[in-house]
Protein backbone atom coordinates (compact mmCIF):
# COMPACT_ATOMS: atom_id res chain seq x y z
CA MET A 1 8.52 -13.69 -21.23
CA ALA A 2 10.57 -11.00 -23.38
CA SER A 3 13.43 -10.25 -21.36
CA ASN A 4 16.92 -8.79 -21.97
CA GLU A 5 18.08 -9.89 -18.30
CA GLN A 6 20.22 -12.52 -17.37
CA LEU A 7 19.59 -13.80 -13.81
CA GLN A 8 22.88 -13.47 -11.74
CA ILE A 9 22.50 -16.13 -9.03
CA ASN A 10 24.37 -18.02 -6.42
CA PRO A 11 24.79 -21.58 -7.37
CA ASP A 12 23.98 -22.48 -3.63
CA ILE A 13 20.79 -20.34 -4.06
CA ALA A 14 20.09 -21.33 -7.10
CA LYS A 15 20.06 -25.24 -5.94
CA PHE A 16 17.43 -24.17 -3.34
CA LEU A 17 15.17 -22.55 -5.65
CA LEU A 18 15.21 -25.32 -7.96
CA GLU A 19 14.40 -27.85 -5.00
CA ARG A 20 12.50 -25.77 -2.92
CA GLY A 21 11.44 -22.97 -4.34
CA GLY A 22 7.88 -22.29 -5.42
CA THR A 23 6.13 -22.24 -9.16
CA LEU A 24 3.40 -20.30 -10.53
CA VAL A 25 1.90 -21.41 -13.42
CA VAL A 26 -0.66 -19.34 -15.44
CA THR A 27 -2.70 -20.84 -18.62
CA ASP A 28 -3.65 -18.88 -21.29
CA VAL A 29 -2.22 -15.49 -20.76
CA PRO A 30 -2.25 -13.21 -24.28
CA PRO A 31 0.92 -12.71 -25.78
CA GLY A 32 1.64 -8.96 -25.04
CA THR A 33 0.19 -8.70 -21.58
CA ASP A 34 1.99 -6.81 -18.87
CA PHE A 35 2.59 -9.76 -16.26
CA GLY A 36 5.12 -9.61 -13.02
CA ILE A 37 5.74 -10.46 -9.92
CA ASP A 38 6.57 -7.99 -6.75
CA PHE A 39 9.13 -5.00 -8.37
CA LYS A 40 9.51 -7.00 -11.71
CA SER A 41 7.15 -7.21 -14.76
CA TRP A 42 7.91 -8.08 -18.29
CA THR A 43 5.73 -8.22 -21.66
CA THR A 44 4.52 -12.35 -22.43
CA GLY A 45 5.54 -14.22 -25.09
CA ASP A 46 4.16 -16.63 -27.33
CA ASN A 47 5.33 -19.73 -24.77
CA PHE A 48 4.84 -17.70 -21.23
CA LYS A 49 3.16 -20.36 -18.88
CA GLY A 50 4.16 -18.78 -15.58
CA ILE A 51 7.64 -18.50 -12.78
CA LYS A 52 9.89 -20.75 -11.33
CA MET A 53 12.03 -20.83 -8.22
CA LEU A 54 9.80 -18.51 -6.07
CA PRO A 55 11.86 -17.65 -2.86
CA PRO A 56 9.25 -19.00 -0.20
CA GLY A 57 7.25 -15.98 1.27
CA LEU A 58 5.17 -13.28 0.50
CA HIS A 59 4.66 -12.09 -3.14
CA PHE A 60 2.47 -9.97 -5.10
CA ILE A 61 1.71 -11.31 -8.76
CA HIS A 62 0.38 -8.46 -11.49
CA TYR A 63 -0.85 -7.96 -14.58
CA SER A 64 -2.02 -5.52 -17.31
CA ALA A 65 -4.20 -7.14 -19.90
CA VAL A 66 -3.93 -5.56 -23.34
CA SER A 67 -6.82 -4.37 -25.26
CA SER A 68 -7.27 -6.46 -28.96
CA GLU A 69 -9.39 -4.15 -29.73
CA TYR A 70 -7.77 -0.54 -28.98
CA ASN A 71 -4.18 -2.24 -28.19
CA GLU A 72 -4.60 -0.30 -25.01
CA MET A 73 -3.08 -1.50 -21.63
CA SER A 74 -5.55 -1.81 -18.78
CA PRO A 75 -5.32 -0.41 -15.14
CA ARG A 76 -2.83 -3.10 -12.98
CA VAL A 77 -4.71 -5.80 -11.18
CA GLY A 78 -2.97 -8.15 -8.85
CA PHE A 79 -3.00 -10.55 -5.60
CA PHE A 80 -0.73 -11.32 -2.64
CA HIS A 81 0.31 -14.90 -2.29
CA ILE A 82 2.57 -16.06 0.32
CA PHE A 83 4.44 -19.33 -1.34
CA HIS A 84 5.00 -22.26 0.82
CA GLU A 85 8.05 -24.31 0.02
CA ARG A 86 7.57 -26.66 -3.22
CA GLU A 87 4.13 -25.16 -3.75
CA PHE A 88 2.65 -25.38 -6.83
CA LEU A 89 -0.13 -22.95 -7.70
CA VAL A 90 -2.16 -23.10 -10.47
CA LYS A 91 -3.99 -20.04 -12.09
CA LYS A 92 -6.02 -19.56 -15.37
CA TRP A 93 -6.73 -16.14 -17.65
CA ASP A 94 -10.10 -15.42 -18.23
CA ASN A 95 -10.19 -14.11 -21.82
CA LYS A 96 -13.96 -12.56 -20.83
CA GLU A 97 -13.06 -10.80 -17.94
CA GLU A 98 -9.10 -10.31 -19.52
CA GLY A 99 -7.32 -11.10 -15.96
CA ILE A 100 -6.70 -14.21 -13.77
CA SER A 101 -9.65 -16.32 -12.65
CA ALA A 102 -10.55 -16.13 -8.95
CA GLU A 103 -11.98 -19.96 -9.74
CA ASP A 104 -10.10 -22.76 -8.46
CA ILE A 105 -8.19 -25.36 -10.27
CA ASP A 106 -9.29 -28.90 -10.38
CA GLU A 107 -6.63 -30.76 -8.82
CA GLU A 108 -6.70 -33.15 -11.71
CA VAL A 109 -5.19 -30.36 -13.54
CA VAL A 110 -2.83 -28.97 -11.33
CA ASN A 111 -1.16 -32.96 -10.93
CA ARG A 112 -0.97 -33.08 -14.77
CA PHE A 113 0.89 -29.97 -14.78
CA LYS A 114 3.38 -31.62 -12.04
CA CYS A 115 3.85 -34.54 -14.17
CA ASN A 116 4.24 -32.40 -16.75
CA LEU A 117 7.27 -30.24 -15.29
CA LYS A 118 10.05 -30.77 -17.18
CA ASN A 119 8.47 -29.99 -20.40
CA LEU A 120 6.75 -27.04 -18.68
CA ASP A 121 9.74 -25.77 -17.34
CA LYS A 122 11.04 -23.71 -20.69
CA SER A 123 7.95 -21.80 -20.56
CA LEU A 124 8.53 -20.52 -16.79
CA GLY A 125 10.55 -17.73 -16.29
CA PRO A 126 12.95 -17.26 -12.88
CA TYR A 127 12.22 -15.40 -10.41
CA PRO A 128 14.41 -12.20 -10.20
CA TYR A 129 15.98 -13.36 -6.98
CA ASP A 130 18.34 -9.75 -7.18
CA THR A 131 15.52 -8.00 -6.08
CA TRP A 132 14.44 -10.52 -3.20
CA LYS A 133 16.08 -8.99 -0.45
CA GLU A 134 14.73 -5.66 -0.82
CA TRP A 135 11.61 -7.19 -1.36
CA GLN A 136 11.66 -8.56 1.98
CA LYS A 137 12.28 -5.09 3.93
CA LEU A 138 9.40 -3.76 2.57
CA THR A 139 7.43 -6.57 3.37
CA SER A 140 8.84 -7.60 6.96
CA LYS A 141 5.29 -7.06 8.84
CA ILE A 142 2.86 -8.30 6.63
CA ASP A 143 1.52 -11.40 7.48
CA ASP A 144 -1.36 -13.54 5.99
CA GLU A 145 -3.90 -12.25 9.07
CA LEU A 146 -3.22 -9.13 7.95
CA ILE A 147 -3.85 -9.67 4.30
CA LYS A 148 -6.79 -11.64 5.15
CA ARG A 149 -7.97 -8.44 7.03
CA CYS A 150 -7.20 -5.52 4.46
CA GLN A 151 -7.45 -7.21 1.10
CA PRO A 152 -10.40 -6.68 -0.98
CA LEU A 153 -13.18 -9.27 -0.30
CA CYS A 154 -12.69 -10.03 -4.04
CA GLY A 155 -8.65 -11.11 -3.42
CA TYR A 156 -7.57 -8.90 -5.99
CA VAL A 157 -5.58 -5.33 -5.68
CA ARG A 158 -7.29 -3.30 -8.77
CA ALA A 159 -5.20 0.30 -9.33
CA ALA A 160 -8.91 1.25 -11.22
CA LEU A 161 -12.18 0.13 -9.02
CA GLU A 162 -15.03 -0.48 -10.73
CA LEU A 163 -17.48 2.26 -9.97
CA GLU A 164 -21.59 1.24 -9.48
CA ASN A 165 -24.19 3.97 -8.73
CA PHE A 166 -25.13 4.80 -5.29
CA ASP A 167 -28.67 5.44 -5.78
CA ASP A 168 -31.37 6.94 -3.32
CA ASN A 169 -32.98 3.27 -2.80
CA SER A 170 -29.80 1.97 -1.50
CA ARG A 171 -29.13 5.49 0.55
CA PRO A 172 -29.92 5.43 4.57
CA ARG A 173 -32.93 7.71 4.87
CA GLY A 174 -32.44 11.57 5.86
CA SER A 175 -28.64 11.63 4.54
CA ASP A 176 -26.98 14.54 4.29
CA THR A 177 -27.17 14.35 0.80
CA ASN A 178 -30.56 14.49 0.68
CA LYS A 179 -30.46 17.30 2.86
CA LYS A 180 -28.48 18.95 0.08
CA ARG A 181 -30.48 18.33 -2.96
CA LYS A 182 -33.46 20.14 -0.72
CA ARG A 183 -31.46 22.90 -0.29
CA GLY A 184 -30.39 22.98 -3.53
CA SER A 185 -31.92 26.22 -4.70
CA GLY A 186 -29.33 28.09 -2.18
CA LEU A 187 -26.53 26.49 -4.17
CA SER A 188 -24.21 27.97 -6.86
CA ILE A 189 -24.75 26.78 -10.24
CA GLU A 190 -21.70 24.47 -9.97
CA ALA A 191 -22.72 23.37 -6.82
CA GLN A 192 -26.33 22.48 -8.43
CA GLU A 193 -25.05 20.81 -11.21
CA GLU A 194 -22.72 18.52 -9.28
CA LEU A 195 -25.76 17.53 -7.21
CA LEU A 196 -27.11 16.31 -10.24
CA LEU A 197 -24.33 13.85 -11.16
CA PRO A 198 -24.53 10.24 -10.02
CA THR A 199 -23.15 8.96 -6.74
CA LEU A 200 -20.61 6.34 -7.53
CA LYS A 201 -19.32 4.59 -5.10
CA PRO A 202 -16.63 1.17 -5.63
CA LYS A 203 -18.38 -1.88 -6.66
CA HIS A 204 -19.09 -4.16 -3.29
CA GLY A 205 -16.23 -6.35 -2.45
CA THR A 206 -13.14 -4.36 -4.85
CA GLU A 207 -12.18 -1.94 -2.30
CA LEU A 208 -9.21 -2.62 0.45
CA ARG A 209 -10.47 -2.91 3.67
CA LEU A 210 -7.58 -0.94 5.57
CA THR A 211 -8.37 0.30 8.80
CA GLU A 212 -10.66 3.42 9.03
CA LEU A 213 -9.10 6.09 10.59
CA PRO A 214 -10.78 8.96 12.60
CA ASP A 215 -11.96 12.30 10.95
CA LYS A 216 -10.77 13.88 13.80
CA THR A 217 -8.14 13.99 16.27
CA TYR A 218 -9.94 15.06 19.24
CA PRO A 219 -12.92 13.69 21.39
CA ASP A 220 -16.41 14.12 21.12
CA ASN A 221 -16.92 16.26 24.22
CA ALA A 222 -13.24 18.20 23.69
CA THR A 223 -13.23 21.57 24.56
CA PRO A 224 -11.73 23.99 22.56
CA THR A 225 -8.37 24.15 24.40
CA GLU A 226 -8.55 20.44 24.03
CA ILE A 227 -8.90 20.57 20.61
CA THR A 228 -6.37 22.67 19.63
CA GLN A 229 -3.74 20.61 22.16
CA HIS A 230 -5.26 17.05 20.00
CA SER A 231 -4.99 19.02 16.61
CA LEU A 232 -1.07 19.77 17.73
CA ASP A 233 -0.26 16.12 18.95
CA THR A 234 -2.36 13.35 17.24
CA SER A 235 -1.70 10.68 20.27
CA TYR A 236 -5.31 10.49 20.88
CA ALA A 237 -6.17 9.57 17.63
CA LEU A 238 -3.48 7.40 16.67
CA ASN A 239 -4.24 5.55 20.18
CA ILE A 240 -7.61 4.64 18.88
CA VAL A 241 -6.34 3.20 15.59
CA ILE A 242 -3.79 1.02 17.62
CA GLU A 243 -6.51 -0.22 20.01
CA LYS A 244 -8.44 -1.44 17.15
CA LEU A 245 -5.53 -3.57 15.91
CA LYS A 246 -5.15 -6.97 17.29
CA GLN A 247 -1.49 -6.34 17.91
CA PRO A 248 0.18 -2.62 18.23
CA MET A 249 2.98 -3.70 15.23
CA GLU A 250 -0.07 -4.27 13.05
CA ILE A 251 0.05 -0.53 12.07
CA ILE A 252 3.82 -0.76 10.70
CA GLY A 253 2.58 -3.94 8.86
CA GLU A 254 -0.47 -1.58 7.41
CA LEU A 255 2.00 0.89 6.17
CA GLN A 256 3.77 -1.37 4.55
CA LEU A 257 0.49 -3.21 2.83
CA SER A 258 -0.50 -0.28 1.62
CA PHE A 259 2.47 1.02 0.33
CA ILE A 260 3.08 -1.81 -1.62
CA CYS A 261 -0.22 -1.44 -3.22
CA PHE A 262 0.34 1.92 -4.21
CA LEU A 263 3.88 1.25 -5.47
CA VAL A 264 3.39 -1.64 -7.30
CA GLY A 265 -0.49 -2.26 -7.30
CA GLN A 266 -0.70 1.11 -8.43
CA SER A 267 -3.97 2.03 -5.86
CA LEU A 268 -4.20 5.68 -5.61
CA ASP A 269 -6.93 4.66 -2.24
CA ALA A 270 -3.74 2.75 -0.64
CA PHE A 271 -1.21 5.67 -1.35
CA ASP A 272 -3.94 7.86 0.29
CA HIS A 273 -4.33 5.70 3.11
CA TRP A 274 -0.42 5.59 3.65
CA LYS A 275 -0.21 9.40 3.44
CA LYS A 276 -2.60 9.58 6.33
CA LEU A 277 -0.78 7.12 8.36
CA ILE A 278 2.21 8.99 8.20
CA ALA A 279 0.49 12.19 9.09
CA LEU A 280 -1.20 9.84 12.24
CA ILE A 281 2.20 8.88 13.26
CA CYS A 282 4.36 11.56 13.08
CA GLY A 283 2.00 14.10 14.58
CA ALA A 284 2.11 12.13 18.01
CA ASP A 285 3.93 13.44 20.44
CA LYS A 286 2.62 12.43 24.21
CA LEU A 287 2.17 8.88 22.82
CA ILE A 288 5.78 7.78 21.67
CA PRO A 289 7.56 6.64 24.77
CA ASN A 290 4.68 4.15 25.16
CA ARG A 291 5.02 3.17 21.86
CA ARG A 292 8.67 3.12 21.33
CA ALA A 293 8.99 0.01 19.56
CA ILE A 294 6.42 1.35 16.87
CA TYR A 295 8.76 4.53 16.19
CA ILE A 296 12.08 2.62 16.30
CA GLU A 297 10.23 0.19 13.40
CA PHE A 298 8.61 3.14 11.38
CA LEU A 299 11.74 5.03 11.19
CA ARG A 300 13.51 2.02 9.41
CA ILE A 301 10.05 1.28 7.36
CA ILE A 302 9.87 4.50 5.96
CA GLU A 303 13.72 4.89 5.19
CA ILE A 304 13.30 1.60 2.85
CA GLN A 305 10.17 3.14 1.60
CA LEU A 306 11.39 6.61 0.69
CA SER A 307 14.43 4.90 -1.56
CA HIS A 308 11.82 3.48 -3.93
CA VAL A 309 9.61 6.70 -4.45
CA PRO A 310 10.69 9.58 -7.00
CA GLU A 311 10.84 12.86 -5.02
CA ASP A 312 8.15 14.39 -6.95
CA MET A 313 5.54 12.09 -5.90
CA LEU A 314 5.49 13.08 -2.49
CA CYS A 315 5.02 16.52 -3.24
CA ASP A 316 1.20 18.03 -2.03
CA ILE A 317 0.42 19.52 -5.84
CA VAL A 318 -2.21 21.97 -3.70
CA ALA A 319 0.07 23.21 -0.82
CA ASN A 320 3.12 22.63 -3.00
CA ASN A 321 5.34 20.75 -0.30
CA ASN A 322 6.92 17.61 0.33
CA PHE A 323 4.09 16.05 2.86
CA VAL A 324 6.82 12.95 4.02
CA TYR A 325 9.29 15.78 4.52
CA HIS A 326 7.05 18.11 6.55
CA HIS A 327 5.69 15.34 8.79
CA LEU A 328 8.89 13.79 9.36
CA ARG A 329 10.16 17.09 9.96
CA LYS A 330 7.40 17.39 13.15
CA LEU A 331 8.22 13.76 14.40
CA PHE A 332 12.04 14.56 14.70
CA ALA A 333 11.30 17.75 16.43
CA ASN A 334 9.23 15.57 18.93
CA ILE A 335 11.27 13.06 19.67
CA GLU A 336 14.44 15.90 20.28
CA MET A 337 12.03 17.52 22.83
CA ASN A 338 10.36 15.02 24.38
CA MET A 339 12.18 14.17 27.40
CA GLU A 340 10.48 11.28 28.55
CA ILE A 341 11.58 9.52 25.38
CA ASP A 342 14.72 7.09 26.17
CA GLY A 343 18.31 7.76 24.72
CA LYS A 344 17.95 4.58 22.12
CA LEU A 345 15.02 6.14 19.94
CA LYS A 346 16.89 9.59 19.76
CA SER A 347 19.52 8.25 18.53
CA GLU A 348 17.97 6.11 16.07
CA ALA A 349 16.25 9.25 14.79
CA LYS A 350 19.13 11.00 14.75
CA ARG A 351 21.15 8.78 12.73
CA PHE A 352 17.90 8.46 10.41
CA ARG A 353 17.52 12.01 9.91
CA GLU A 354 21.42 12.21 8.69
CA ARG A 355 21.12 9.64 6.40
CA ILE A 356 18.18 10.89 4.16
CA THR A 357 19.92 14.37 4.74
CA GLU A 358 22.60 13.13 2.82
CA THR A 359 20.50 10.84 0.42
CA LEU A 360 17.77 13.44 0.21
CA MET A 361 19.09 16.61 0.80
CA TRP A 362 16.46 17.56 3.04
CA ASP A 363 17.18 20.38 5.64
CA PHE A 364 16.16 19.15 9.15
CA THR A 365 18.19 22.09 10.63
CA HIS A 366 16.51 24.33 13.67
CA LEU A 367 13.99 21.50 14.79
CA GLU A 368 12.80 24.12 17.38
CA GLU A 369 11.26 26.73 14.96
CA GLU A 370 8.01 26.30 13.34
CA GLU A 371 7.32 27.02 9.88
CA ASP A 372 5.54 30.35 9.22
CA ASP A 373 2.50 28.75 7.59
CA GLU A 374 2.41 26.11 10.16
CA ALA A 375 2.79 27.32 13.13
CA PRO A 376 -0.70 26.70 15.30
CA VAL A 377 -3.35 29.47 16.59
CA ILE A 378 -3.55 28.39 20.14
CA VAL A 379 -7.18 28.51 21.50
CA SER A 380 -7.88 29.38 24.69
CA LEU A 381 -10.99 29.66 26.42
């Protein structure tokens, strides 16, 4: 593991990690591979065999193989693993697939590595403990059950999904796509050309299985007036999502998991889901008093997350605005003006608002005023 960093760690913590920390052994990793855990990554050397002194808890192991033919870095791949005290995890690199094999390692092989740990130790890099506290804050609501529910069936989070053709044989009959093809003559040349392209979908088992979010924020039988109301207040849609979960606080865990998959796993699908969750949570008004614990936790988590994302990544390229700022502004206004919300949540929101105003220079004054391009058109029939 090539690195100029030196591990600065409290002697008592170092002793604890040496005696009770986890160990990750990965055999046959090619030199030059970008290999990492949680926030950190390194370029592997000839003698790299894994990572030692892992704090018990959740970790995200990730890597990017380097093509031997073109010397190009492949998209990142990673997986979650909750390490227990003294856990000894062995994985094997698959040269053909250019990644870590999903196959289990024989117990005999694992025991052989354990017996040889003294000689193996020099080939194991120490966990970068200076990042551990921050990592814990970002993953505080992610547990084993949430990981099993949301991670791809294959067990690996991929920055670039492998796509396969979704042909007519596997498409349900009478689909909108087929209807469009029949009406192709009435479309523009560009639209007709697009219809001729193959329909691709992620290879089964490789996509994240995040909670499906509603396409619309109102019920099917809503009147035009109700549609307007639900568009201004996403409480109905947010409640539908929460009721799908075993525990309401899972929505915060999923917010964290999608953020980690985007920030560290480099998944754009996860980034899109994270943005949609923020819009859904911040757009609610009536639901806030009944879900107070969720909102207190949301404010704490989003503040930590914002400290890890460059501001230019939060800007919508098309609309040319900062989507997080826009949605937080709406949430702060809802909390400030909703008379049913208790003082504790109002105080939490006020303090958070003041902190990010200072750190990010975001202006949250005049919350009662609608921005011109965001002012709603009220429908009343």
